[in-house]
C-alpha atoms as a PDB file:
ATOM      1  CA  MET A   1       0.000   0.000   0.000  1.00  0.00           C
ATOM      2  CA  ILE A   2       1.125   3.538  -0.795  1.00  0.00           C
ATOM      3  CA  ILE A   3       0.261   6.415   1.543  1.00  0.00           C
ATOM      4  CA  PHE A   4       0.679  10.039   0.472  1.00  0.00           C
ATOM      5  CA  ALA A   5       1.051  12.590   3.282  1.00  0.00           C
ATOM      6  CA  THR A   6       0.336  16.209   2.462  1.00  0.00           C
ATOM      7  CA  SER A   7      -0.797  19.509   3.967  1.00  0.00           C
ATOM      8  CA  ASP A   8      -1.646  22.956   2.666  1.00  0.00           C
ATOM      9  CA  LYS A   9       0.525  24.779   5.172  1.00  0.00           C
ATOM     10  CA  GLY A  10       3.967  24.186   6.616  1.00  0.00           C
ATOM     11  CA  GLY A  11       4.211  23.645  10.354  1.00  0.00           C
ATOM     12  CA  THR A  12       1.303  21.212  10.542  1.00  0.00           C
ATOM     13  CA  GLY A  13       3.436  18.401  11.944  1.00  0.00           C
ATOM     14  CA  ARG A  14       2.980  16.424   8.733  1.00  0.00           C
ATOM     15  CA  SER A  15       6.560  15.183   8.477  1.00  0.00           C
ATOM     16  CA  VAL A  16       7.158  14.479  12.153  1.00  0.00           C
ATOM     17  CA  THR A  17       3.826  12.653  12.426  1.00  0.00           C
ATOM     18  CA  SER A  18       4.486  10.665   9.241  1.00  0.00           C
ATOM     19  CA  CYS A  19       7.949   9.643  10.455  1.00  0.00           C
ATOM     20  CA  ASN A  20       6.588   8.564  13.825  1.00  0.00           C
ATOM     21  CA  VAL A  21       3.801   6.594  12.170  1.00  0.00           C
ATOM     22  CA  ALA A  22       6.319   4.873   9.870  1.00  0.00           C
ATOM     23  CA  TYR A  23       8.455   4.042  12.916  1.00  0.00           C
ATOM     24  CA  ARG A  24       5.471   2.657  14.841  1.00  0.00           C
ATOM     25  CA  ARG A  25       4.328   0.579  11.876  1.00  0.00           C
ATOM     26  CA  ALA A  26       7.813  -0.922  11.533  1.00  0.00           C
ATOM     27  CA  MET A  27       7.804  -1.669  15.266  1.00  0.00           C
ATOM     28  CA  GLN A  28       4.514  -3.498  14.696  1.00  0.00           C
ATOM     29  CA  GLY A  29       6.385  -5.824  12.323  1.00  0.00           C
ATOM     30  CA  SER A  30       5.760  -4.346   8.868  1.00  0.00           C
ATOM     31  CA  ASP A  31       8.444  -3.570   6.300  1.00  0.00           C
ATOM     32  CA  VAL A  32       8.124   0.184   5.779  1.00  0.00           C
ATOM     33  CA  CYS A  33       9.673   2.511   3.223  1.00  0.00           C
ATOM     34  CA  TYR A  34       9.638   6.297   3.686  1.00  0.00           C
ATOM     35  CA  LEU A  35      10.111   8.605   0.676  1.00  0.00           C
ATOM     36  CA  ASP A  36      11.033  12.237   1.300  1.00  0.00           C
ATOM     37  CA  PHE A  37       9.176  14.059  -1.483  1.00  0.00           C
ATOM     38  CA  ASP A  38       9.321  17.339   0.440  1.00  0.00           C
ATOM     39  CA  PHE A  39      11.661  18.582  -2.269  1.00  0.00           C
ATOM     40  CA  GLY A  40      12.159  22.078  -0.898  1.00  0.00           C
ATOM     41  CA  SER A  41      12.958  20.862   2.620  1.00  0.00           C
ATOM     42  CA  PRO A  42      13.989  17.176   2.755  1.00  0.00           C
ATOM     43  CA  THR A  43      14.423  16.824   6.526  1.00  0.00           C
ATOM     44  CA  ALA A  44      13.075  13.325   7.204  1.00  0.00           C
ATOM     45  CA  GLY A  45      16.645  12.158   7.863  1.00  0.00           C
ATOM     46  CA  ALA A  46      16.926  14.574  10.775  1.00  0.00           C
ATOM     47  CA  ILE A  47      13.636  13.360  12.281  1.00  0.00           C
ATOM     48  CA  PHE A  48      14.717   9.730  11.998  1.00  0.00           C
ATOM     49  CA  GLY A  49      18.106  10.635  13.475  1.00  0.00           C
ATOM     50  CA  VAL A  50      19.989   9.713  10.279  1.00  0.00           C
ATOM     51  CA  GLU A  51      22.346  12.666  10.340  1.00  0.00           C
ATOM     52  CA  ALA A  52      24.058  11.723   7.065  1.00  0.00           C
ATOM     53  CA  ALA A  53      20.793  12.739   5.377  1.00  0.00           C
ATOM     54  CA  GLY A  54      19.622  15.332   7.876  1.00  0.00           C
ATOM     55  CA  GLN A  55      18.994  17.919   5.152  1.00  0.00           C
ATOM     56  CA  GLY A  56      18.868  15.428   2.301  1.00  0.00           C
ATOM     57  CA  THR A  57      21.712  13.370   0.896  1.00  0.00           C
ATOM     58  CA  ALA A  58      24.845  14.789  -0.737  1.00  0.00           C
ATOM     59  CA  THR A  59      25.756  11.557  -2.552  1.00  0.00           C
ATOM     60  CA  GLY A  60      23.902  12.399  -5.757  1.00  0.00           C
ATOM     61  CA  GLY A  61      21.606   9.432  -5.171  1.00  0.00           C
ATOM     62  CA  GLY A  62      18.570  11.181  -3.761  1.00  0.00           C
ATOM     63  CA  LEU A  63      15.042  11.352  -5.111  1.00  0.00           C
ATOM     64  CA  HIS A  64      15.642  14.643  -6.950  1.00  0.00           C
ATOM     65  CA  GLU A  65      18.429  13.136  -9.010  1.00  0.00           C
ATOM     66  CA  TYR A  66      16.502   9.922  -9.635  1.00  0.00           C
ATOM     67  CA  LEU A  67      13.364  11.660 -10.871  1.00  0.00           C
ATOM     68  CA  ALA A  68      15.449  13.936 -13.093  1.00  0.00           C
ATOM     69  CA  GLY A  69      17.037  10.849 -14.651  1.00  0.00           C
ATOM     70  CA  ARG A  70      20.555  11.597 -13.453  1.00  0.00           C
ATOM     71  CA  THR A  71      20.880   8.410 -11.393  1.00  0.00           C
ATOM     72  CA  ALA A  72      19.485   4.944 -11.988  1.00  0.00           C
ATOM     73  CA  GLU A  73      18.957   4.083  -8.326  1.00  0.00           C
ATOM     74  CA  VAL A  74      17.935   5.955  -5.194  1.00  0.00           C
ATOM     75  CA  ASP A  75      19.891   5.717  -1.939  1.00  0.00           C
ATOM     76  CA  GLN A  76      18.116   3.390   0.486  1.00  0.00           C
ATOM     77  CA  LEU A  77      19.136   4.104   4.071  1.00  0.00           C
ATOM     78  CA  ASP A  78      18.532   1.592   6.852  1.00  0.00           C
ATOM     79  CA  VAL A  79      17.111   3.688   9.677  1.00  0.00           C
ATOM     80  CA  TRP A  80      17.697   0.979  12.287  1.00  0.00           C
ATOM     81  CA  GLY A  81      21.388   0.748  11.432  1.00  0.00           C
ATOM     82  CA  GLN A  82      22.124   4.428  10.775  1.00  0.00           C
ATOM     83  CA  SER A  83      19.980   6.345  13.250  1.00  0.00           C
ATOM     84  CA  GLU A  84      21.914   8.350  15.841  1.00  0.00           C
ATOM     85  CA  LEU A  85      18.851   9.282  17.839  1.00  0.00           C
ATOM     86  CA  GLY A  86      19.730   8.064  21.297  1.00  0.00           C
ATOM     87  CA  GLY A  87      22.766   6.211  19.942  1.00  0.00           C
ATOM     88  CA  PRO A  88      23.055   3.756  17.049  1.00  0.00           C
ATOM     89  CA  ARG A  89      20.772   0.774  17.516  1.00  0.00           C
ATOM     90  CA  ALA A  90      20.185  -2.416  15.612  1.00  0.00           C
ATOM     91  CA  ARG A  91      16.758  -3.398  14.355  1.00  0.00           C
ATOM     92  CA  PRO A  92      14.634  -4.290  17.397  1.00  0.00           C
ATOM     93  CA  LEU A  93      13.486  -7.869  17.788  1.00  0.00           C
ATOM     94  CA  GLY A  94      10.233  -8.401  15.904  1.00  0.00           C
ATOM     95  CA  ALA A  95      10.418  -5.102  14.020  1.00  0.00           C
ATOM     96  CA  GLY A  96      10.161  -4.880  10.252  1.00  0.00           C
ATOM     97  CA  ARG A  97      12.550  -3.014   8.003  1.00  0.00           C
ATOM     98  CA  LEU A  98      12.492   0.775   8.135  1.00  0.00           C
ATOM     99  CA  THR A  99      14.051   2.289   5.027  1.00  0.00           C
ATOM    100  CA  LEU A 100      14.469   5.957   4.111  1.00  0.00           C
ATOM    101  CA  LEU A 101      14.755   7.214   0.533  1.00  0.00           C
ATOM    102  CA  PRO A 102      16.031  10.773   1.005  1.00  0.00           C
ATOM    103  CA  GLY A 103      15.784  13.855  -1.136  1.00  0.00           C
ATOM    104  CA  ASP A 104      18.918  15.614  -2.339  1.00  0.00           C
ATOM    105  CA  SER A 105      20.638  18.270  -0.269  1.00  0.00           C
ATOM    106  CA  GLY A 106      20.056  21.673  -1.844  1.00  0.00           C
ATOM    107  CA  GLY A 107      17.261  20.386  -4.027  1.00  0.00           C
ATOM    108  CA  GLY A 108      14.024  22.219  -4.674  1.00  0.00           C
ATOM    109  CA  GLU A 109      10.695  22.084  -6.458  1.00  0.00           C
ATOM    110  CA  PHE A 110      10.805  21.398 -10.190  1.00  0.00           C
ATOM    111  CA  PRO A 111       8.339  21.177 -13.102  1.00  0.00           C
ATOM    112  CA  VAL A 112       6.933  17.752 -13.898  1.00  0.00           C
ATOM    113  CA  ASP A 113       7.035  16.049 -17.295  1.00  0.00           C
ATOM    114  CA  ALA A 114       5.856  12.695 -18.643  1.00  0.00           C
ATOM    115  CA  THR A 115       9.256  11.041 -18.296  1.00  0.00           C
ATOM    116  CA  MET A 116       9.510  12.066 -14.660  1.00  0.00           C
ATOM    117  CA  ALA A 117       6.002  10.764 -13.963  1.00  0.00           C
ATOM    118  CA  ARG A 118       6.937   7.429 -15.542  1.00  0.00           C
ATOM    119  CA  ARG A 119      10.076   7.142 -13.388  1.00  0.00           C
ATOM    120  CA  CYS A 120       7.969   7.959 -10.335  1.00  0.00           C
ATOM    121  CA  SER A 121       5.399   5.311 -11.281  1.00  0.00           C
ATOM    122  CA  ASP A 122       8.125   2.707 -11.815  1.00  0.00           C
ATOM    123  CA  LEU A 123       9.612   3.513  -8.420  1.00  0.00           C
ATOM    124  CA  PHE A 124       6.258   3.147  -6.659  1.00  0.00           C
ATOM    125  CA  LEU A 125       5.652  -0.201  -8.368  1.00  0.00           C
ATOM    126  CA  ARG A 126       9.030  -1.584  -7.282  1.00  0.00           C
ATOM    127  CA  LEU A 127       8.666  -0.398  -3.704  1.00  0.00           C
ATOM    128  CA  ASP A 128       5.085  -1.644  -3.401  1.00  0.00           C
ATOM    129  CA  GLU A 129       6.314  -5.132  -4.257  1.00  0.00           C
ATOM    130  CA  GLU A 130       9.139  -4.964  -1.709  1.00  0.00           C
ATOM    131  CA  PHE A 131       7.473  -3.213   1.244  1.00  0.00           C
ATOM    132  CA  GLU A 132       4.139  -3.658   2.958  1.00  0.00           C
ATOM    133  CA  LEU A 133       3.805   0.084   3.397  1.00  0.00           C
ATOM    134  CA  THR A 134       5.324   2.897   1.338  1.00  0.00           C
ATOM    135  CA  LEU A 135       4.809   6.340   2.881  1.00  0.00           C
ATOM    136  CA  VAL A 136       5.451   9.369   0.666  1.00  0.00           C
ATOM    137  CA  ASP A 137       5.891  12.723   2.442  1.00  0.00           C
ATOM    138  CA  LEU A 138       4.949  15.477  -0.021  1.00  0.00           C
ATOM    139  CA  SER A 139       5.801  19.163  -0.100  1.00  0.00           C
ATOM    140  CA  ALA A 140       3.148  21.407   1.420  1.00  0.00           C
ATOM    141  CA  GLY A 141       0.489  23.059  -0.705  1.00  0.00           C
ATOM    142  CA  ARG A 142      -0.295  22.779  -4.393  1.00  0.00           C
ATOM    143  CA  SER A 143       3.202  21.588  -5.161  1.00  0.00           C
ATOM    144  CA  TYR A 144       4.967  19.918  -8.050  1.00  0.00           C
ATOM    145  CA  ALA A 145       5.343  16.906  -5.776  1.00  0.00           C
ATOM    146  CA  THR A 146       1.551  16.563  -5.503  1.00  0.00           C
ATOM    147  CA  GLU A 147       1.105  16.971  -9.247  1.00  0.00           C
ATOM    148  CA  LEU A 148       3.822  14.374  -9.840  1.00  0.00           C
ATOM    149  CA  VAL A 149       2.223  11.660  -7.718  1.00  0.00           C
ATOM    150  CA  LEU A 150      -1.237  12.374  -9.123  1.00  0.00           C
ATOM    151  CA  ARG A 151       0.156  11.854 -12.615  1.00  0.00           C
ATOM    152  CA  ALA A 152       2.064   8.758 -11.558  1.00  0.00           C
ATOM    153  CA  THR A 153      -0.893   7.110  -9.803  1.00  0.00           C
ATOM    154  CA  ALA A 154      -3.103   7.726 -12.856  1.00  0.00           C
ATOM    155  CA  ASP A 155      -0.815   5.346 -14.741  1.00  0.00           C
ATOM    156  CA  PRO A 156      -2.782   2.134 -15.550  1.00  0.00           C
ATOM    157  CA  ALA A 157       0.211   0.149 -14.265  1.00  0.00           C
ATOM    158  CA  LEU A 158      -0.627   1.402 -10.754  1.00  0.00           C
ATOM    159  CA  ALA A 159      -4.380   0.956 -11.082  1.00  0.00           C
ATOM    160  CA  GLU A 160      -4.439  -2.257  -9.072  1.00  0.00           C
ATOM    161  CA  LYS A 161      -2.300  -0.850  -6.269  1.00  0.00           C
ATOM    162  CA  THR A 162      -3.952   0.628  -3.196  1.00  0.00           C
ATOM    163  CA  ALA A 163      -3.062   4.277  -2.686  1.00  0.00           C
ATOM    164  CA  ARG A 164      -4.435   6.511   0.070  1.00  0.00           C
ATOM    165  CA  TRP A 165      -4.017  10.151   1.048  1.00  0.00           C
ATOM    166  CA  LEU A 166      -3.600  11.729   4.477  1.00  0.00           C
ATOM    167  CA  VAL A 167      -4.142  15.480   4.679  1.00  0.00           C
ATOM    168  CA  PHE A 168      -2.663  16.986   7.846  1.00  0.00           C
ATOM    169  CA  HIS A 169      -3.901  20.141   9.525  1.00  0.00           C
ATOM    170  CA  ARG A 170      -3.615  21.781  12.900  1.00  0.00           C
ATOM    171  CA  TRP A 171      -6.735  22.389  14.941  1.00  0.00           C
ATOM    172  CA  THR A 172      -7.136  26.086  14.110  1.00  0.00           C
ATOM    173  CA  ARG A 173      -9.574  27.964  11.886  1.00  0.00           C
ATOM    174  CA  GLN A 174      -6.872  28.934   9.372  1.00  0.00           C
ATOM    175  CA  HIS A 175      -5.566  25.387   9.034  1.00  0.00           C
ATOM    176  CA  ILE A 176      -9.023  23.852   8.683  1.00  0.00           C
ATOM    177  CA  VAL A 177      -9.909  26.270   5.889  1.00  0.00           C
ATOM    178  CA  ALA A 178      -6.545  25.683   4.189  1.00  0.00           C
ATOM    179  CA  ALA A 179      -6.868  21.878   4.342  1.00  0.00           C
ATOM    180  CA  ALA A 180     -10.358  22.019   2.825  1.00  0.00           C
ATOM    181  CA  GLY A 181      -9.052  24.253   0.033  1.00  0.00           C
ATOM    182  CA  LEU A 182      -6.175  21.898  -0.706  1.00  0.00           C
ATOM    183  CA  VAL A 183      -8.569  19.007  -1.268  1.00  0.00           C
ATOM    184  CA  PHE A 184     -11.798  20.552  -2.564  1.00  0.00           C
ATOM    185  CA  GLY A 185     -10.736  23.980  -3.834  1.00  0.00           C
ATOM    186  CA  PRO A 186      -9.524  25.291  -7.217  1.00  0.00           C
ATOM    187  CA  HIS A 187      -6.383  23.472  -8.372  1.00  0.00           C
ATOM    188  CA  GLY A 188      -6.696  21.235  -5.316  1.00  0.00           C
ATOM    189  CA  ILE A 189      -6.062  17.515  -5.137  1.00  0.00           C
ATOM    190  CA  LEU A 190      -9.445  16.526  -6.600  1.00  0.00           C
ATOM    191  CA  GLU A 191      -9.427  19.012  -9.452  1.00  0.00           C
ATOM    192  CA  THR A 192      -5.796  18.327 -10.345  1.00  0.00           C
ATOM    193  CA  GLY A 193      -6.373  14.604 -10.052  1.00  0.00           C
ATOM    194  CA  MET A 194      -9.279  14.748 -12.493  1.00  0.00           C
ATOM    195  CA  ASP A 195      -7.137  16.705 -14.931  1.00  0.00           C
ATOM    196  CA  ARG A 196      -4.552  13.909 -14.721  1.00  0.00           C
ATOM    197  CA  GLY A 197      -7.050  11.118 -15.361  1.00  0.00           C
ATOM    198  CA  HIS A 198      -8.450  10.211 -11.932  1.00  0.00           C
ATOM    199  CA  ARG A 199     -12.148   9.810 -11.230  1.00  0.00           C
ATOM    200  CA  ARG A 200     -13.262  12.335  -8.655  1.00  0.00           C
ATOM    201  CA  ARG A 201     -15.399  10.041  -6.523  1.00  0.00           C
ATOM    202  CA  GLU A 202     -12.797   7.296  -6.393  1.00  0.00           C
ATOM    203  CA  LEU A 203     -10.028   9.737  -5.546  1.00  0.00           C
ATOM    204  CA  GLU A 204     -12.113  11.453  -2.869  1.00  0.00           C
ATOM    205  CA  ASP A 205     -12.768   8.075  -1.236  1.00  0.00           C
ATOM    206  CA  THR A 206      -9.002   7.646  -0.735  1.00  0.00           C
ATOM    207  CA  ILE A 207      -8.578  10.903   1.225  1.00  0.00           C
ATOM    208  CA  ARG A 208      -8.747  11.210   5.001  1.00  0.00           C
ATOM    209  CA  PHE A 209      -7.685  13.942   7.406  1.00  0.00           C
ATOM    210  CA  VAL A 210      -5.375  13.930  10.416  1.00  0.00           C
ATOM    211  CA  ARG A 211      -5.599  16.645  13.055  1.00  0.00           C
ATOM    212  CA  THR A 212      -2.287  17.524  14.684  1.00  0.00           C
ATOM    213  CA  ALA A 213      -1.209  19.391  17.816  1.00  0.00           C
ATOM    214  CA  VAL A 214      -4.758  19.097  19.157  1.00  0.00           C
ATOM    215  CA  LEU A 215      -5.224  20.412  22.677  1.00  0.00           C
ATOM    216  CA  GLU A 216      -8.445  18.995  24.061  1.00  0.00           C
ATOM    217  CA  PRO A 217     -10.349  21.352  26.398  1.00  0.00           C
ATOM    218  CA  ASP A 218     -10.236  18.755  29.199  1.00  0.00           C
ATOM    219  CA  SER A 219      -6.494  18.113  28.843  1.00  0.00           C
ATOM    220  CA  PRO A 220      -4.478  18.189  32.104  1.00  0.00           C
ATOM    221  CA  GLN A 221      -2.125  20.612  30.328  1.00  0.00           C
ATOM    222  CA  LEU A 222      -4.880  23.221  30.602  1.00  0.00           C
ATOM    223  CA  ALA A 223      -5.325  22.919  34.362  1.00  0.00           C
ATOM    224  CA  VAL A 224      -3.585  26.282  34.813  1.00  0.00           C
ATOM    225  CA  LEU A 225      -6.190  28.158  32.780  1.00  0.00           C
ATOM    226  CA  ARG A 226      -8.501  30.621  34.447  1.00  0.00           C
ATOM    227  CA  ALA A 227     -12.197  29.724  34.464  1.00  0.00           C
ATOM    228  CA  GLU A 228     -12.924  32.363  31.825  1.00  0.00           C
ATOM    229  CA  GLN A 229     -10.234  30.967  29.535  1.00  0.00           C
ATOM    230  CA  SER A 230     -11.517  27.430  29.953  1.00  0.00           C
ATOM    231  CA  VAL A 231     -15.075  28.446  29.042  1.00  0.00           C
ATOM    232  CA  TRP A 232     -13.822  30.335  25.977  1.00  0.00           C
ATOM    233  CA  LEU A 233     -11.728  27.354  24.853  1.00  0.00           C
ATOM    234  CA  GLN A 234     -14.697  24.998  25.154  1.00  0.00           C
ATOM    235  CA  SER A 235     -16.803  27.355  23.055  1.00  0.00           C
ATOM    236  CA  TYR A 236     -14.103  27.857  20.429  1.00  0.00           C
ATOM    237  CA  ASN A 237     -13.501  24.117  20.156  1.00  0.00           C
ATOM    238  CA  THR A 238     -17.207  23.675  19.404  1.00  0.00           C
ATOM    239  CA  ASP A 239     -16.969  26.358  16.715  1.00  0.00           C
ATOM    240  CA  LEU A 240     -14.017  24.541  15.131  1.00  0.00           C
ATOM    241  CA  GLN A 241     -15.955  21.269  15.097  1.00  0.00           C
ATOM    242  CA  LYS A 242     -18.846  22.990  13.294  1.00  0.00           C
ATOM    243  CA  LEU A 243     -16.476  24.604  10.798  1.00  0.00           C
ATOM    244  CA  ALA A 244     -14.727  21.296  10.076  1.00  0.00           C
ATOM    245  CA  ALA A 245     -18.080  19.591   9.470  1.00  0.00           C
ATOM    246  CA  LYS A 246     -19.234  22.400   7.170  1.00  0.00           C
ATOM    247  CA  LEU A 247     -16.061  22.175   5.086  1.00  0.00           C
ATOM    248  CA  ARG A 248     -16.249  18.349   4.902  1.00  0.00           C
ATOM    249  CA  LEU A 249     -13.387  17.781   7.362  1.00  0.00           C
ATOM    250  CA  GLY A 250     -15.571  16.400  10.142  1.00  0.00           C
ATOM    251  CA  ARG A 251     -15.024  13.267  12.203  1.00  0.00           C
ATOM    252  CA  SER A 252     -16.512  11.008   9.514  1.00  0.00           C
ATOM    253  CA  VAL A 253     -13.414  11.602   7.358  1.00  0.00           C
ATOM    254  CA  MET A 254     -10.860  11.971  10.159  1.00  0.00           C
ATOM    255  CA  LEU A 255      -8.484   9.021  10.454  1.00  0.00           C
ATOM    256  CA  GLY A 256      -6.576  10.257  13.484  1.00  0.00           C
ATOM    257  CA  SER A 257      -5.909  13.043  15.954  1.00  0.00           C
ATOM    258  CA  ILE A 258      -2.473  13.734  17.422  1.00  0.00           C
ATOM    259  CA  PRO A 259      -2.440  15.619  20.737  1.00  0.00           C
ATOM    260  CA  LEU A 260      -0.186  18.565  21.417  1.00  0.00           C
ATOM    261  CA  ASP A 261       3.090  17.345  22.912  1.00  0.00           C
ATOM    262  CA  PRO A 262       5.750  19.719  24.296  1.00  0.00           C
ATOM    263  CA  VAL A 263       8.590  17.512  23.028  1.00  0.00           C
ATOM    264  CA  LEU A 264       7.421  17.800  19.432  1.00  0.00           C
ATOM    265  CA  GLN A 265       6.923  21.538  19.783  1.00  0.00           C
ATOM    266  CA  TRP A 266      10.608  21.926  20.629  1.00  0.00           C
ATOM    267  CA  ARG A 267      12.175  19.148  18.592  1.00  0.00           C
ATOM    268  CA  GLU A 268      10.936  17.152  15.605  1.00  0.00           C
ATOM    269  CA  GLN A 269      11.959  13.611  16.495  1.00  0.00           C
ATOM    270  CA  ILE A 270      10.882  10.007  16.819  1.00  0.00           C
ATOM    271  CA  ILE A 271       9.197   9.357  20.157  1.00  0.00           C
ATOM    272  CA  VAL A 272      10.403   5.996  21.445  1.00  0.00           C
ATOM    273  CA  GLU A 273       9.083   4.041  24.420  1.00  0.00           C
ATOM    274  CA  ASP A 274      11.908   5.273  26.670  1.00  0.00           C
ATOM    275  CA  ASP A 275      10.752   8.857  26.064  1.00  0.00           C
ATOM    276  CA  ILE A 276       7.377   7.899  27.541  1.00  0.00           C
ATOM    277  CA  SER A 277       8.070   5.351  30.253  1.00  0.00           C
ATOM    278  CA  THR A 278      11.677   6.028  31.360  1.00  0.00           C
ATOM    279  CA  THR A 279      12.646   9.671  30.888  1.00  0.00           C
ATOM    280  CA  ARG A 280       8.944  10.671  30.723  1.00  0.00           C
ATOM    281  CA  ILE A 281       9.661  13.646  28.466  1.00  0.00           C
ATOM    282  CA  ALA A 282       6.815  12.709  26.098  1.00  0.00           C
ATOM    283  CA  ASN A 283       3.175  12.029  26.845  1.00  0.00           C
ATOM    284  CA  GLU A 284       1.744   8.533  26.684  1.00  0.00           C
ATOM    285  CA  GLU A 285      -1.257   9.866  24.737  1.00  0.00           C
ATOM    286  CA  THR A 286       1.041  10.993  21.931  1.00  0.00           C
ATOM    287  CA  GLY A 287       2.664   7.596  21.557  1.00  0.00           C
ATOM    288  CA  GLN A 288      -0.735   5.892  21.604  1.00  0.00           C
ATOM    289  CA  ALA A 289      -2.056   8.240  18.916  1.00  0.00           C
ATOM    290  CA  PHE A 290       0.892   7.345  16.659  1.00  0.00           C
ATOM    291  CA  GLU A 291       0.342   3.658  17.403  1.00  0.00           C
ATOM    292  CA  ASP A 292      -3.353   3.827  16.543  1.00  0.00           C
ATOM    293  CA  LEU A 293      -2.817   5.797  13.338  1.00  0.00           C
ATOM    294  CA  ALA A 294      -0.130   3.356  12.198  1.00  0.00           C
ATOM    295  CA  LYS A 295      -2.618   0.486  12.556  1.00  0.00           C
ATOM    296  CA  ARG A 296      -5.526   2.265  10.899  1.00  0.00           C
ATOM    297  CA  LEU A 297      -3.602   3.149   7.745  1.00  0.00           C
ATOM    298  CA  THR A 298      -4.175  -0.276   6.240  1.00  0.00           C
ATOM    299  CA  ASP A 299      -7.219  -1.385   8.218  1.00  0.00           C
ATOM    300  CA  ASP A 300      -9.968  -1.477   5.584  1.00  0.00           C
ATOM    301  CA  SER A 301     -12.740  -1.736   8.153  1.00  0.00           C
ATOM    302  CA  ALA A 302     -11.475   1.316  10.041  1.00  0.00           C
ATOM    303  CA  TRP A 303     -10.963   3.280   6.826  1.00  0.00           C
ATOM    304  CA  GLU A 304     -14.207   2.380   5.094  1.00  0.00           C
ATOM    305  CA  GLY A 305     -16.218   2.594   8.284  1.00  0.00           C
ATOM    306  CA  LEU A 306     -15.695   6.322   8.549  1.00  0.00           C
END
């Protein structure tokens, strides 16, 4: 299965959530491949703790160079063997493979042509055969990366492959409106997809939303609020729920919700079990949200039951 992760705005937590979900899915035993298609800012290596590709790779074997036809193969980095987050560690017992395909250091957005779309399609086909889950982190907004994968997945060769979309947004009015525009608005995913050969209804059925940095009104983190602030927050949260439903981002199309966590506000990183149970720098609710989302990605009953 291929999962595309996107957002209309930067700063939604799309990349850090996607990396943590990929990590959790590998810990659950699946072979997972992570593609950094955030061409303007390929930082997945830094989140995974693979410092050699912290800002993309400098070997000339990244995704930019591959898609441009300047290299025949993409670097495949073993996260378990190369991560420096908390010290190098071997693949945990029972975990699946966790492989990173990085972007190129100093790369950027670029126009898409038919040859590039074909190379992208071929890459997805090969990875889908090798890995149970391929997660593609796209650049924010109406980007060339989004256009590229819409063209690639319209290829009849990929028609039998399952592809799904996760649209990330923070729990604010501006982010809700932006996420709705990215999917349903002019030149959004649906309109662009139709232009590239997708059927609107089928494409729309593959899209779900993930709320990030959500601070629930009854969260213990809000115990310091004054009574007036608490009442206002409750009211505003209700307004956001109504807005999300109006713009077709309500709970019926929400696959997951990631709570606000101080660790992730200060550092984009993988949250491991030691961060929750030993050092206690991260909240248990955050780890559980990643765990649940990792399971639901390929759970047809959870997905179709929304």
